[in-house]
């Protein structure tokens, strides 16, 4: 069994910053990639940022230059530093991990953390 737990969401004013954290725990044999997705009300879930086991990163165009994804391999953790936040960044942010557990390779999701950007 694998658990994905996010933290760090909250309410922030436009132009502010937040840092999201995500930790994977349990019967993990290897992690291929971890990423952040978000879903705003009435919209589809979209990729925000992704980091692979080799350290390659990928960002949505809307967050390039403002958000930074990083990881701590020893802790099976990934972080999302969000700067210059805009109201349109308001969403529930989900962490996922593409990994091999004790049975097979599969994708795990966290429960989500709310980020609200508002004055």
Protein backbone atom coordinates (compact mmCIF):
# COMPACT_ATOMS: atom_id res chain seq x y z
CA UNK A 1 0.00 0.00 0.00
CA UNK A 2 1.20 3.47 -0.91
CA UNK A 3 0.06 6.80 0.49
CA UNK A 4 0.47 10.21 -1.13
CA UNK A 5 0.08 13.16 1.21
CA UNK A 6 0.13 16.83 0.18
CA UNK A 7 0.43 19.89 2.37
CA UNK A 8 1.04 23.61 2.09
CA UNK A 9 -2.07 25.00 0.45
CA UNK A 10 -3.93 28.02 1.68
CA UNK A 11 -5.09 31.55 0.96
CA UNK A 12 -2.61 34.03 -0.48
CA UNK A 13 -2.88 37.48 -2.05
CA UNK A 14 -2.07 38.04 -5.72
CA UNK A 15 1.67 38.32 -6.18
CA UNK A 16 2.35 36.17 -3.14
CA UNK A 17 4.04 32.81 -2.78
CA UNK A 18 3.23 29.34 -1.48
CA UNK A 19 5.19 26.13 -1.26
CA UNK A 20 3.44 22.80 -1.64
CA UNK A 21 4.91 19.57 -0.36
CA UNK A 22 4.10 15.99 -1.25
CA UNK A 23 5.43 12.79 0.27
CA UNK A 24 4.98 9.23 -0.92
CA UNK A 25 5.23 6.44 1.63
CA UNK A 26 4.58 2.74 1.91
CA UNK A 27 5.71 -0.24 -0.17
CA UNK A 28 7.62 1.68 -2.84
CA UNK A 29 10.20 -0.07 -4.97
CA UNK A 30 10.96 2.77 -7.34
CA UNK A 31 9.53 6.13 -8.41
CA UNK A 32 9.60 7.01 -12.09
CA UNK A 33 8.12 10.50 -11.86
CA UNK A 34 6.19 12.78 -9.53
CA UNK A 35 4.06 15.68 -10.52
CA UNK A 36 1.56 18.34 -9.60
CA UNK A 37 -1.80 18.76 -11.26
CA UNK A 38 -4.59 21.20 -10.53
CA UNK A 39 -8.30 21.42 -11.05
CA UNK A 40 -10.29 24.62 -10.89
CA UNK A 41 -14.09 24.60 -10.50
CA UNK A 42 -15.76 23.64 -13.77
CA UNK A 43 -12.46 22.81 -15.46
CA UNK A 44 -10.55 19.65 -16.24
CA UNK A 45 -7.56 18.59 -14.22
CA UNK A 46 -4.36 19.85 -15.84
CA UNK A 47 -0.67 19.24 -15.49
CA UNK A 48 1.20 21.96 -13.61
CA UNK A 49 4.69 20.49 -13.31
CA UNK A 50 6.42 17.14 -13.48
CA UNK A 51 9.84 15.83 -12.47
CA UNK A 52 11.23 12.47 -13.58
CA UNK A 53 13.58 10.09 -11.82
CA UNK A 54 16.35 11.51 -13.97
CA UNK A 55 15.61 15.03 -12.84
CA UNK A 56 13.98 16.28 -16.03
CA UNK A 57 11.19 18.77 -15.51
CA UNK A 58 8.16 19.84 -17.49
CA UNK A 59 5.91 22.82 -16.82
CA UNK A 60 2.60 24.09 -18.07
CA UNK A 61 3.11 27.23 -20.15
CA UNK A 62 0.91 29.19 -17.75
CA UNK A 63 3.32 28.64 -14.83
CA UNK A 64 6.72 28.76 -16.51
CA UNK A 65 8.99 31.26 -14.84
CA UNK A 66 6.77 31.44 -11.74
CA UNK A 67 6.62 27.88 -10.39
CA UNK A 68 9.51 25.54 -9.63
CA UNK A 69 9.27 21.81 -8.98
CA UNK A 70 11.95 20.08 -6.96
CA UNK A 71 12.40 16.77 -5.19
CA UNK A 72 14.09 14.99 -2.32
CA UNK A 73 14.83 11.48 -3.54
CA UNK A 74 15.74 10.16 -0.10
CA UNK A 75 12.38 11.29 1.27
CA UNK A 76 10.29 10.27 -1.77
CA UNK A 77 9.08 13.85 -1.79
CA UNK A 78 8.36 16.54 -4.32
CA UNK A 79 7.80 20.25 -3.80
CA UNK A 80 6.20 23.05 -5.77
CA UNK A 81 7.40 26.57 -5.12
CA UNK A 82 4.79 28.95 -6.46
CA UNK A 83 5.72 32.63 -6.84
CA UNK A 84 3.91 35.60 -8.35
CA UNK A 85 0.61 33.86 -7.81
CA UNK A 86 -2.40 34.99 -9.80
CA UNK A 87 -6.13 34.56 -9.15
CA UNK A 88 -6.26 32.13 -12.06
CA UNK A 89 -3.92 29.83 -10.12
CA UNK A 90 -6.78 29.17 -7.71
CA UNK A 91 -7.52 25.43 -7.76
CA UNK A 92 -7.21 22.19 -5.88
CA UNK A 93 -3.66 20.98 -6.38
CA UNK A 94 -3.04 17.25 -6.58
CA UNK A 95 0.22 15.38 -6.31
CA UNK A 96 0.78 12.15 -8.16
CA UNK A 97 3.48 9.55 -8.28
CA UNK A 98 4.18 7.12 -11.10
CA UNK A 99 5.86 4.30 -9.25
CA UNK A 100 6.34 0.58 -8.81
CA UNK A 101 4.88 -0.76 -5.59
CA UNK A 102 5.08 -4.31 -4.26
CA UNK A 103 2.74 -5.55 -7.01
CA UNK A 104 3.13 -3.49 -10.19
CA UNK A 105 3.78 -0.14 -11.77
CA UNK A 106 0.88 2.24 -11.23
CA UNK A 107 -0.14 5.83 -10.65
CA UNK A 108 -1.07 7.09 -7.21
CA UNK A 109 -2.84 10.36 -6.36
CA UNK A 110 -3.03 12.43 -3.23
CA UNK A 111 -6.21 13.87 -1.78
CA UNK A 112 -5.51 17.40 -2.98
CA UNK A 113 -4.81 20.70 -1.27
CA UNK A 114 -6.71 23.94 -1.92
CA UNK A 115 -4.83 26.99 -3.16
CA UNK A 116 -6.81 30.23 -3.25
CA UNK A 117 -5.33 33.43 -4.65
CA UNK A 118 -7.47 36.38 -3.74
CA UNK A 119 -7.25 39.86 -2.30
